[in-house]
Amino acid sequence: MSVRSAGGLAGRAGNSDALEHLARVGLIAYGVVHLLVAWLALQLAWGGTSRPADQSGALSTLAQQPLGAPLLWILGLGLLALALWQAAEVLRWRHGWSASGTARTKALRKTGKAVVKAAVYAGLGVLAIRFATGGGQNSSSSQQQTVAGVFGWPAGRWLVAAAGLVLVGVGVYHVYKGVTKRFLKELDLADCPPAAERLVTRIGQAGFPGKGVALALVGGLLVWSAVTFDPAKASGLDGALHTLLQAPAGRVLLTAVALGIAAFGAFCLVRARYPERT
């Protein structure tokens, strides 16, 4: 299949009504996961919880509910559809790969973002399906095992440190995105009432910085793991939130981050209602 025909197929898939509806289910699922993570983080801050305050803890909580397995299947398939929707963006921007100047830079940047988002959604979708089938694994343990394996590669420590720095950069960008309201580009608010638009803006202004701080903390732990050559330090989101709790005024800081994560989850639900038109 040629690049042109593959791109046309991707365009038709990306514009498919069925895929768009499934992608909306994926956005709802992504939002629900963040809301559950925020709830677990609040429990960690104020009452303690036996479940990890991360994606695996959120999916484990959902699995324990009535009809938990069918709900996890719906979430998983929706997230995989969302990953496919993002993957279609890669070929949509193919025309700019061979361009020059700012056009090529923009195309490569959009392609990179689409690849990363597709990988995140696909990974979370697979994790949801694993929990639905009873094979879910703790995210922190999985990350520590991965880091331990990478340490065995040539320049493994540098790769882990680089991944951590990239994650810190993504977290900083999320904060910037929230402060500058760039997240509004992801929405089509043409039919949204002015009062609702103001509410959505406030939700995004709280949600993206909260998500950004959490990502930066996870990235910081990866860097520290590389510096100390200790994979146990790469404890994921749950470890990052526990580390934040141990800081001065940690309970207040953790509560603020949890509320920010909840706001990001709410933003995902809004995005499912008012998705960007591409």
Protein backbone atom coordinates (compact mmCIF):
# COMPACT_ATOMS: atom_id res chain seq x y z
CA MET A 1 0.00 0.00 0.00
CA SER A 2 1.39 3.40 -0.97
CA VAL A 3 1.71 6.23 1.50
CA ARG A 4 -0.96 8.16 -0.41
CA SER A 5 -3.50 5.32 -0.34
CA ALA A 6 -2.67 4.60 3.31
CA GLY A 7 -3.17 8.26 4.09
CA GLY A 8 -6.53 8.24 2.30
CA LEU A 9 -7.58 5.17 4.26
CA ALA A 10 -6.48 6.82 7.49
CA GLY A 11 -8.40 9.95 6.58
CA ARG A 12 -11.58 7.97 5.90
CA ALA A 13 -11.11 6.03 9.13
CA GLY A 14 -10.48 9.17 11.12
CA ASN A 15 -13.61 10.79 9.69
CA SER A 16 -15.77 7.69 10.24
CA ASP A 17 -18.83 8.44 12.35
CA ALA A 18 -18.56 5.03 14.04
CA LEU A 19 -14.93 5.62 14.96
CA GLU A 20 -15.72 9.12 16.19
CA HIS A 21 -18.43 7.78 18.48
CA LEU A 22 -16.05 5.12 19.80
CA ALA A 23 -13.36 7.77 20.28
CA ARG A 24 -15.84 9.78 22.33
CA VAL A 25 -16.34 6.71 24.50
CA GLY A 26 -12.55 6.61 24.83
CA LEU A 27 -12.44 10.26 25.94
CA ILE A 28 -15.13 9.53 28.52
CA ALA A 29 -13.12 6.51 29.68
CA TYR A 30 -9.96 8.60 29.91
CA GLY A 31 -11.85 11.16 31.97
CA VAL A 32 -13.33 8.51 34.27
CA VAL A 33 -9.88 7.04 34.93
CA HIS A 34 -8.59 10.48 35.95
CA LEU A 35 -11.58 11.06 38.21
CA LEU A 36 -10.96 7.72 39.93
CA VAL A 37 -7.24 8.50 40.30
CA ALA A 38 -8.18 11.85 41.85
CA TRP A 39 -10.51 10.12 44.30
CA LEU A 40 -7.77 7.67 45.32
CA ALA A 41 -5.33 10.59 45.72
CA LEU A 42 -7.78 12.39 48.00
CA GLN A 43 -8.19 9.23 50.05
CA LEU A 44 -4.40 8.99 50.27
CA ALA A 45 -4.21 12.60 51.47
CA TRP A 46 -6.92 12.41 54.10
CA GLY A 47 -7.72 8.85 55.03
CA GLY A 48 -5.34 6.42 53.41
CA THR A 49 -6.16 3.78 50.82
CA SER A 50 -4.96 0.25 50.21
CA ARG A 51 -5.10 0.71 46.43
CA PRO A 52 -2.34 2.53 44.53
CA ALA A 53 -3.30 6.06 43.54
CA ASP A 54 -2.66 5.53 39.82
CA GLN A 55 -4.25 4.05 36.71
CA SER A 56 -4.04 0.47 37.96
CA GLY A 57 -5.67 1.47 41.24
CA ALA A 58 -8.45 3.25 39.36
CA LEU A 59 -9.12 0.26 37.10
CA SER A 60 -8.93 -2.12 40.05
CA THR A 61 -11.53 0.00 41.86
CA LEU A 62 -13.80 -0.16 38.82
CA ALA A 63 -13.31 -3.93 38.50
CA GLN A 64 -14.67 -4.41 42.01
CA GLN A 65 -17.95 -2.68 41.18
CA PRO A 66 -21.13 -4.39 39.93
CA LEU A 67 -20.79 -4.96 36.17
CA GLY A 68 -17.16 -3.97 36.55
CA ALA A 69 -15.85 -6.35 33.88
CA PRO A 70 -18.27 -5.20 31.12
CA LEU A 71 -17.55 -1.57 31.99
CA LEU A 72 -13.81 -2.22 31.73
CA TRP A 73 -14.31 -3.83 28.33
CA ILE A 74 -16.21 -0.76 27.14
CA LEU A 75 -13.52 1.54 28.52
CA GLY A 76 -10.75 -0.55 27.01
CA LEU A 77 -12.28 -0.73 23.54
CA GLY A 78 -13.11 2.98 23.64
CA LEU A 79 -9.52 3.83 24.53
CA LEU A 80 -8.21 1.61 21.74
CA ALA A 81 -10.55 3.42 19.31
CA LEU A 82 -9.21 6.71 20.64
CA ALA A 83 -5.68 5.43 20.00
CA LEU A 84 -6.66 4.53 16.43
CA TRP A 85 -8.16 7.99 15.97
CA GLN A 86 -4.86 9.52 17.06
CA ALA A 87 -2.88 7.12 14.87
CA ALA A 88 -4.87 8.37 11.86
CA GLU A 89 -3.47 11.84 12.61
CA VAL A 90 0.03 10.57 11.80
CA LEU A 91 -0.81 9.98 8.14
CA ARG A 92 -2.96 13.10 7.99
CA TRP A 93 0.20 15.15 8.52
CA ARG A 94 2.30 13.09 6.09
CA HIS A 95 2.14 15.80 3.44
CA GLY A 96 4.26 18.07 5.63
CA TRP A 97 7.06 15.57 6.32
CA SER A 98 8.85 16.48 3.11
CA ALA A 99 8.06 20.20 3.29
CA SER A 100 10.52 22.82 4.45
CA GLY A 101 10.68 25.43 7.16
CA THR A 102 7.85 25.92 9.60
CA ALA A 103 5.48 23.64 7.67
CA ARG A 104 7.78 20.65 8.16
CA THR A 105 8.40 21.55 11.80
CA LYS A 106 4.67 21.76 12.48
CA ALA A 107 3.98 18.46 10.69
CA LEU A 108 6.69 16.64 12.63
CA ARG A 109 5.50 18.15 15.92
CA LYS A 110 1.89 17.16 15.23
CA THR A 111 3.02 13.68 14.19
CA GLY A 112 5.08 13.22 17.35
CA LYS A 113 2.22 14.32 19.58
CA ALA A 114 -0.19 11.97 17.81
CA VAL A 115 2.19 9.01 18.19
CA VAL A 116 2.68 9.65 21.91
CA LYS A 117 -1.05 10.10 22.54
CA ALA A 118 -1.87 6.96 20.57
CA ALA A 119 0.65 4.97 22.62
CA VAL A 120 -0.75 6.30 25.92
CA TYR A 121 -4.36 5.56 24.98
CA ALA A 122 -3.48 2.12 23.63
CA GLY A 123 -1.49 1.21 26.73
CA LEU A 124 -4.31 2.27 29.03
CA GLY A 125 -6.85 0.44 26.86
CA VAL A 126 -4.86 -2.79 27.03
CA LEU A 127 -4.51 -2.36 30.80
CA ALA A 128 -8.29 -1.93 31.15
CA ILE A 129 -8.91 -5.12 29.15
CA ARG A 130 -6.38 -6.98 31.28
CA PHE A 131 -8.24 -5.94 34.42
CA ALA A 132 -11.51 -6.99 32.76
CA THR A 133 -10.07 -10.47 32.21
CA GLY A 134 -8.52 -10.67 35.69
CA GLY A 135 -4.92 -10.17 34.56
CA GLY A 136 -4.29 -6.58 35.66
CA GLN A 137 -0.92 -5.60 37.11
CA ASN A 138 0.15 -2.83 39.46
CA SER A 139 1.42 0.09 37.35
CA SER A 140 4.25 0.95 39.74
CA SER A 141 5.58 -2.61 39.76
CA SER A 142 5.32 -2.80 35.98
CA GLN A 143 7.26 0.45 35.57
CA GLN A 144 9.95 -0.68 37.99
CA GLN A 145 10.37 -3.94 36.07
CA THR A 146 10.63 -2.02 32.80
CA VAL A 147 13.22 0.37 34.22
CA ALA A 148 15.23 -2.54 35.64
CA GLY A 149 15.27 -4.12 32.17
CA VAL A 150 16.35 -0.87 30.49
CA PHE A 151 19.19 -0.51 33.00
CA GLY A 152 20.64 -3.65 31.45
CA TRP A 153 20.88 -2.02 28.02
CA PRO A 154 23.92 -0.08 26.79
CA ALA A 155 23.54 3.48 28.12
CA GLY A 156 20.40 2.29 29.92
CA ARG A 157 20.73 4.82 32.72
CA TRP A 158 20.94 7.64 30.20
CA LEU A 159 17.84 6.39 28.41
CA VAL A 160 15.86 6.29 31.66
CA ALA A 161 17.10 9.77 32.59
CA ALA A 162 16.17 11.07 29.14
CA ALA A 163 12.69 9.56 29.43
CA GLY A 164 12.30 11.22 32.82
CA LEU A 165 13.38 14.61 31.48
CA VAL A 166 10.96 14.29 28.57
CA LEU A 167 8.16 13.53 31.02
CA VAL A 168 9.12 16.55 33.12
CA GLY A 169 9.02 18.64 29.94
CA VAL A 170 5.57 17.31 29.08
CA GLY A 171 4.42 18.20 32.58
CA VAL A 172 5.76 21.74 32.25
CA TYR A 173 4.00 22.06 28.89
CA HIS A 174 0.71 20.97 30.49
CA VAL A 175 1.10 23.74 33.07
CA TYR A 176 1.88 26.23 30.29
CA LYS A 177 -1.10 24.96 28.30
CA GLY A 178 -3.39 25.54 31.26
CA VAL A 179 -2.07 29.01 32.04
CA THR A 180 -2.27 30.20 28.41
CA LYS A 181 -5.63 28.46 27.71
CA ARG A 182 -4.17 26.68 24.68
CA PHE A 183 -6.35 23.69 25.58
CA LEU A 184 -9.32 25.54 24.09
CA LYS A 185 -7.96 24.62 20.64
CA GLU A 186 -8.93 21.01 21.41
CA LEU A 187 -12.60 21.92 21.65
CA ASP A 188 -15.30 23.05 19.25
CA LEU A 189 -17.33 25.41 21.44
CA ALA A 190 -19.32 27.04 18.65
CA ASP A 191 -22.58 25.64 20.07
CA CYS A 192 -21.56 26.03 23.71
CA PRO A 193 -23.42 28.71 25.77
CA PRO A 194 -21.15 31.53 27.05
CA ALA A 195 -21.63 30.57 30.71
CA ALA A 196 -20.72 26.95 29.96
CA GLU A 197 -17.70 28.11 27.95
CA ARG A 198 -16.45 30.09 30.93
CA LEU A 199 -16.89 27.03 33.16
CA VAL A 200 -15.01 24.84 30.69
CA THR A 201 -12.20 27.39 30.61
CA ARG A 202 -11.90 27.36 34.42
CA ILE A 203 -11.89 23.55 34.43
CA GLY A 204 -9.05 23.47 31.90
CA GLN A 205 -7.09 26.12 33.78
CA ALA A 206 -7.19 23.92 36.87
CA GLY A 207 -6.92 20.55 35.16
CA PHE A 208 -3.90 20.95 32.92
CA PRO A 209 -1.59 22.36 35.62
CA GLY A 210 -2.72 19.63 38.03
CA LYS A 211 -2.01 16.94 35.44
CA GLY A 212 1.27 18.66 34.58
CA VAL A 213 2.53 18.65 38.16
CA ALA A 214 1.72 14.94 38.45
CA LEU A 215 3.59 14.15 35.20
CA ALA A 216 6.59 16.22 36.25
CA LEU A 217 6.76 14.36 39.57
CA VAL A 218 6.69 11.00 37.81
CA GLY A 219 9.43 12.18 35.46
CA GLY A 220 11.48 13.44 38.39
CA LEU A 221 11.33 9.99 40.00
CA LEU A 222 12.57 8.44 36.75
CA VAL A 223 15.52 10.82 36.70
CA TRP A 224 16.27 10.07 40.36
CA SER A 225 16.07 6.35 39.61
CA ALA A 226 18.68 6.81 36.88
CA VAL A 227 20.95 8.90 39.12
CA THR A 228 20.82 6.36 41.95
CA PHE A 229 20.75 3.35 39.59
CA ASP A 230 17.79 2.03 41.60
CA PRO A 231 14.70 0.90 39.63
CA ALA A 232 12.68 0.89 42.87
CA LYS A 233 12.78 4.71 42.80
CA ALA A 234 10.77 4.68 39.55
CA SER A 235 7.50 4.10 41.37
CA GLY A 236 5.16 5.80 38.92
CA LEU A 237 2.25 8.08 39.76
CA ASP A 238 1.50 6.33 43.05
CA GLY A 239 5.08 6.82 44.21
CA ALA A 240 5.04 10.44 43.05
CA LEU A 241 1.90 11.20 45.05
CA HIS A 242 3.33 9.46 48.13
CA THR A 243 6.48 11.56 47.74
CA LEU A 244 4.38 14.72 47.52
CA LEU A 245 2.48 13.71 50.66
CA GLN A 246 5.78 13.53 52.59
CA ALA A 247 6.72 17.12 51.68
CA PRO A 248 6.02 20.07 54.01
CA ALA A 249 2.28 20.80 53.81
CA GLY A 250 2.11 17.62 51.78
CA ARG A 251 -1.54 16.95 52.54
CA VAL A 252 -2.56 20.34 51.17
CA LEU A 253 -0.31 19.98 48.12
CA LEU A 254 -1.59 16.49 47.39
CA THR A 255 -5.18 17.70 47.72
CA ALA A 256 -4.50 20.51 45.23
CA VAL A 257 -2.96 18.08 42.73
CA ALA A 258 -5.84 15.63 43.22
CA LEU A 259 -8.38 18.34 42.51
CA GLY A 260 -6.37 19.32 39.43
CA ILE A 261 -6.40 15.72 38.18
CA ALA A 262 -10.17 15.62 38.79
CA ALA A 263 -10.56 18.82 36.78
CA PHE A 264 -8.53 17.27 33.94
CA GLY A 265 -10.88 14.28 34.02
CA ALA A 266 -13.85 16.63 33.80
CA PHE A 267 -12.20 18.38 30.85
CA CYS A 268 -11.93 15.03 29.03
CA LEU A 269 -15.67 14.55 29.51
CA VAL A 270 -16.30 18.01 28.08
CA ARG A 271 -13.99 17.23 25.15
CA ALA A 272 -16.08 14.14 24.42
CA ARG A 273 -19.11 16.46 24.15
CA TYR A 274 -17.37 19.19 22.14
CA PRO A 275 -14.52 17.47 20.23
CA GLU A 276 -12.21 19.41 17.97
CA ARG A 277 -13.23 19.13 14.34
CA THR A 278 -10.34 17.98 12.09
